[in-house]
Amino acid sequence: MTVENRSLPNEANLIGELYSDDKAKAEVAFAQIHRKYFNRLVHYVNQFLRNESGQAEAEEIAQDVFEELWQKISDEQGSGRIRSISKWLIMIAKRKSINEKIRGTLVREVKESAIAEDAPLPLGTQASQSPFTIAARHEQVQLFDKAVDTIKDERLREVLRLLAAEQTNKEIAEELEIKPNHANVLVHRAKQALEARVRELEKTSR
């Protein structure tokens, strides 16, 4: 244990100080949490994204997590309090990493489409995705997000986010710390739930 970490209060005390009516005490606790966990979150995000977005992007995501933490403790009291700082930080970092991975996929599609439109195509090849196709892809992502948010089972929502981030069943099992067979079952259930919710949302939007 480093001297820096030994000087920090335990997690229970930090949580209590975060929700203190004394704003100065809450800010000190927040700074201590930031110092303790920031580099860990950056490492987690880098591992999750496989460093596809670079160190700067990982640091930006980690900082966004802490901004959300400060907003949460400013808005919520009582039953809404965080029970475990480390678990909450990882949960939010995972969500933001997944969103970044989905966004990165869309950006690549747009870039590849633009490059292909400027380049001559060999005979017999299909044209790249049109702007209308890209726009439809964006609508699909929005529909996906809306459908996932309406699924009540939190574990199934998490599985769908991981699938959207192009995680394999094996990777999902490792991420959720469950057996591969259990992951396969959850993936099947998650896809069924998503399909049902998408159908319902499409009916209501007509």
Protein backbone atom coordinates (compact mmCIF):
# COMPACT_ATOMS: atom_id res chain seq x y z
CA MET A 1 0.00 0.00 0.00
CA THR A 2 1.37 3.40 -0.98
CA VAL A 3 1.70 6.36 1.37
CA GLU A 4 -0.80 8.21 -0.78
CA ASN A 5 -3.49 5.53 -0.41
CA ARG A 6 -2.77 4.99 3.29
CA SER A 7 -3.59 8.66 3.95
CA LEU A 8 -7.04 8.33 2.40
CA PRO A 9 -10.15 7.69 4.55
CA ASN A 10 -11.91 4.38 4.01
CA GLU A 11 -14.71 4.18 1.47
CA ALA A 12 -17.55 4.37 3.99
CA ASN A 13 -16.14 7.58 5.46
CA LEU A 14 -15.59 9.06 2.01
CA ILE A 15 -19.20 8.38 1.05
CA GLY A 16 -20.41 10.04 4.25
CA GLU A 17 -18.26 13.09 3.58
CA LEU A 18 -19.42 13.27 -0.05
CA TYR A 19 -22.98 13.80 1.17
CA SER A 20 -21.96 16.18 3.94
CA ASP A 21 -23.87 19.45 4.30
CA ASP A 22 -20.44 21.04 4.58
CA LYS A 23 -19.62 21.75 0.93
CA ALA A 24 -15.91 22.19 1.65
CA LYS A 25 -15.76 18.73 3.27
CA ALA A 26 -17.61 17.22 0.30
CA GLU A 27 -15.16 18.82 -2.13
CA VAL A 28 -12.18 17.45 -0.20
CA ALA A 29 -13.70 13.94 -0.25
CA PHE A 30 -14.36 14.25 -3.98
CA ALA A 31 -10.75 15.31 -4.61
CA GLN A 32 -9.50 12.31 -2.60
CA ILE A 33 -11.70 9.93 -4.61
CA HIS A 34 -10.48 11.48 -7.85
CA ARG A 35 -6.85 11.04 -6.79
CA LYS A 36 -7.42 7.44 -5.74
CA TYR A 37 -9.46 6.18 -8.70
CA PHE A 38 -8.71 8.34 -11.76
CA ASN A 39 -5.75 6.34 -13.07
CA ARG A 40 -7.57 3.07 -12.35
CA LEU A 41 -10.52 4.22 -14.47
CA VAL A 42 -8.23 5.32 -17.30
CA HIS A 43 -6.64 1.85 -17.26
CA TYR A 44 -10.07 0.17 -17.22
CA VAL A 45 -11.32 2.26 -20.17
CA ASN A 46 -8.13 1.56 -22.14
CA GLN A 47 -8.56 -2.17 -21.53
CA PHE A 48 -12.24 -2.10 -22.49
CA LEU A 49 -11.70 -0.08 -25.68
CA ARG A 50 -8.49 -2.00 -26.39
CA ASN A 51 -6.89 1.42 -26.75
CA GLU A 52 -8.71 1.98 -30.05
CA SER A 53 -9.54 5.57 -29.13
CA GLY A 54 -6.18 6.43 -27.52
CA GLN A 55 -5.01 7.57 -24.10
CA ALA A 56 -6.52 11.06 -24.39
CA GLU A 57 -9.99 9.61 -25.05
CA ALA A 58 -9.66 7.24 -22.08
CA GLU A 59 -8.72 10.14 -19.81
CA GLU A 60 -11.64 12.19 -21.11
CA ILE A 61 -14.08 9.36 -20.41
CA ALA A 62 -12.65 8.92 -16.90
CA GLN A 63 -13.05 12.63 -16.24
CA ASP A 64 -16.66 12.47 -17.50
CA VAL A 65 -17.30 9.73 -14.93
CA PHE A 66 -16.16 12.01 -12.11
CA GLU A 67 -18.26 14.88 -13.43
CA GLU A 68 -21.28 12.57 -13.34
CA LEU A 69 -20.33 11.53 -9.81
CA TRP A 70 -20.27 15.15 -8.63
CA GLN A 71 -23.62 15.81 -10.33
CA LYS A 72 -25.13 12.71 -8.72
CA ILE A 73 -24.11 13.59 -5.17
CA SER A 74 -25.39 17.13 -5.73
CA ASP A 75 -28.81 15.91 -6.88
CA GLU A 76 -29.54 12.79 -4.82
CA GLN A 77 -29.93 12.13 -1.11
CA GLY A 78 -31.31 9.34 1.06
CA SER A 79 -31.98 6.08 -0.81
CA GLY A 80 -30.30 7.44 -3.91
CA ARG A 81 -26.89 7.48 -2.25
CA ILE A 82 -23.98 5.51 -3.67
CA ARG A 83 -23.16 2.44 -1.59
CA SER A 84 -19.85 1.52 -3.20
CA ILE A 85 -17.74 4.19 -4.88
CA SER A 86 -15.49 1.77 -6.78
CA LYS A 87 -18.40 -0.30 -8.16
CA TRP A 88 -20.34 2.81 -9.15
CA LEU A 89 -17.35 4.36 -10.91
CA ILE A 90 -16.67 1.16 -12.88
CA MET A 91 -20.36 0.85 -13.82
CA ILE A 92 -20.46 4.38 -15.23
CA ALA A 93 -17.07 3.98 -16.93
CA LYS A 94 -18.32 0.80 -18.60
CA ARG A 95 -21.46 2.53 -19.84
CA LYS A 96 -19.50 5.46 -21.25
CA SER A 97 -16.94 3.13 -22.84
CA ILE A 98 -19.69 1.18 -24.55
CA ASN A 99 -21.25 4.39 -25.85
CA GLU A 100 -17.83 5.48 -27.15
CA LYS A 101 -17.40 2.17 -28.94
CA ILE A 102 -20.81 2.51 -30.60
CA ARG A 103 -20.04 6.12 -31.57
CA GLY A 104 -16.68 5.05 -32.97
CA THR A 105 -18.39 2.47 -35.19
CA LEU A 106 -20.69 5.15 -36.61
CA VAL A 107 -17.79 7.53 -37.25
CA ARG A 108 -15.88 4.82 -39.10
CA GLU A 109 -18.93 4.10 -41.26
CA VAL A 110 -19.25 7.76 -42.20
CA LYS A 111 -15.52 8.09 -43.00
CA GLU A 112 -15.46 4.89 -45.05
CA SER A 113 -18.53 6.03 -46.95
CA ALA A 114 -16.97 9.42 -47.74
CA ILE A 115 -13.69 7.84 -48.90
CA ALA A 116 -15.47 5.30 -51.08
CA GLU A 117 -17.64 8.00 -52.70
CA ASP A 118 -14.50 9.88 -53.82
CA ALA A 119 -12.74 6.80 -55.18
CA PRO A 120 -13.59 5.12 -58.51
CA LEU A 121 -15.28 1.76 -58.04
CA PRO A 122 -14.23 -1.32 -60.01
CA LEU A 123 -16.89 -2.78 -62.26
CA GLY A 124 -19.20 -5.17 -60.49
CA THR A 125 -18.68 -3.68 -57.00
CA GLN A 126 -21.46 -2.14 -54.98
CA ALA A 127 -21.49 1.54 -54.09
CA SER A 128 -20.68 2.47 -50.51
CA GLN A 129 -23.34 3.36 -48.00
CA SER A 130 -25.30 6.43 -48.98
CA PRO A 131 -25.99 9.32 -46.56
CA PHE A 132 -29.51 7.91 -46.25
CA THR A 133 -28.11 4.57 -45.12
CA ILE A 134 -25.89 6.29 -42.57
CA ALA A 135 -28.86 8.32 -41.31
CA ALA A 136 -30.88 5.12 -41.00
CA ARG A 137 -28.02 3.62 -38.98
CA HIS A 138 -28.21 6.56 -36.58
CA GLU A 139 -31.97 6.03 -36.22
CA GLN A 140 -31.35 2.36 -35.49
CA VAL A 141 -28.92 3.24 -32.71
CA GLN A 142 -31.46 5.66 -31.21
CA LEU A 143 -34.17 3.01 -31.39
CA PHE A 144 -31.78 0.48 -29.84
CA ASP A 145 -30.99 2.84 -26.94
CA LYS A 146 -34.67 3.54 -26.34
CA ALA A 147 -35.59 -0.15 -26.46
CA VAL A 148 -32.77 -1.14 -24.10
CA ASP A 149 -33.76 1.55 -21.59
CA THR A 150 -37.29 0.10 -21.38
CA ILE A 151 -36.12 -3.43 -20.56
CA LYS A 152 -36.65 -3.95 -16.83
CA ASP A 153 -33.96 -6.59 -16.25
CA GLU A 154 -30.75 -4.69 -15.52
CA ARG A 155 -28.54 -7.68 -16.38
CA LEU A 156 -30.16 -8.03 -19.82
CA ARG A 157 -29.64 -4.31 -20.45
CA GLU A 158 -25.96 -4.72 -19.61
CA VAL A 159 -25.63 -7.71 -21.97
CA LEU A 160 -27.18 -5.73 -24.84
CA ARG A 161 -24.80 -2.83 -24.28
CA LEU A 162 -21.88 -5.25 -24.42
CA LEU A 163 -23.23 -6.82 -27.61
CA ALA A 164 -23.57 -3.36 -29.14
CA ALA A 165 -19.92 -2.79 -28.30
CA GLU A 166 -19.10 -5.88 -30.40
CA GLN A 167 -18.21 -8.07 -27.41
CA THR A 168 -18.31 -11.82 -28.02
CA ASN A 169 -20.22 -14.20 -25.73
CA LYS A 170 -16.89 -15.29 -24.25
CA GLU A 171 -15.90 -11.67 -23.56
CA ILE A 172 -19.32 -10.99 -22.04
CA ALA A 173 -18.86 -13.98 -19.71
CA GLU A 174 -15.48 -12.61 -18.62
CA GLU A 175 -16.83 -9.07 -18.18
CA LEU A 176 -19.79 -10.22 -16.08
CA GLU A 177 -17.70 -12.86 -14.28
CA ILE A 178 -20.08 -15.69 -15.15
CA LYS A 179 -19.72 -19.07 -16.85
CA PRO A 180 -19.82 -19.16 -20.70
CA ASN A 181 -23.03 -21.23 -20.74
CA HIS A 182 -24.72 -18.69 -18.50
CA ALA A 183 -23.56 -15.91 -20.82
CA ASN A 184 -25.03 -17.75 -23.83
CA VAL A 185 -28.39 -17.98 -22.08
CA LEU A 186 -28.33 -14.30 -21.13
CA VAL A 187 -27.41 -13.27 -24.67
CA HIS A 188 -30.33 -15.31 -26.05
CA ARG A 189 -32.76 -13.81 -23.52
CA ALA A 190 -31.42 -10.30 -24.11
CA LYS A 191 -31.89 -10.56 -27.88
CA GLN A 192 -35.44 -11.85 -27.43
CA ALA A 193 -36.29 -9.01 -25.04
CA LEU A 194 -34.78 -6.44 -27.39
CA GLU A 195 -36.67 -7.78 -30.40
CA ALA A 196 -39.95 -7.61 -28.48
CA ARG A 197 -39.33 -4.05 -27.27
CA VAL A 198 -38.27 -2.85 -30.74
CA ARG A 199 -41.47 -4.26 -32.24
CA GLU A 200 -43.56 -2.48 -29.60
CA LEU A 201 -41.75 0.83 -30.13
CA GLU A 202 -42.09 0.59 -33.91
CA LYS A 203 -45.86 0.01 -33.54
CA THR A 204 -46.28 3.06 -31.31
CA SER A 205 -44.26 5.26 -33.66
CA ARG A 206 -46.49 4.54 -36.68
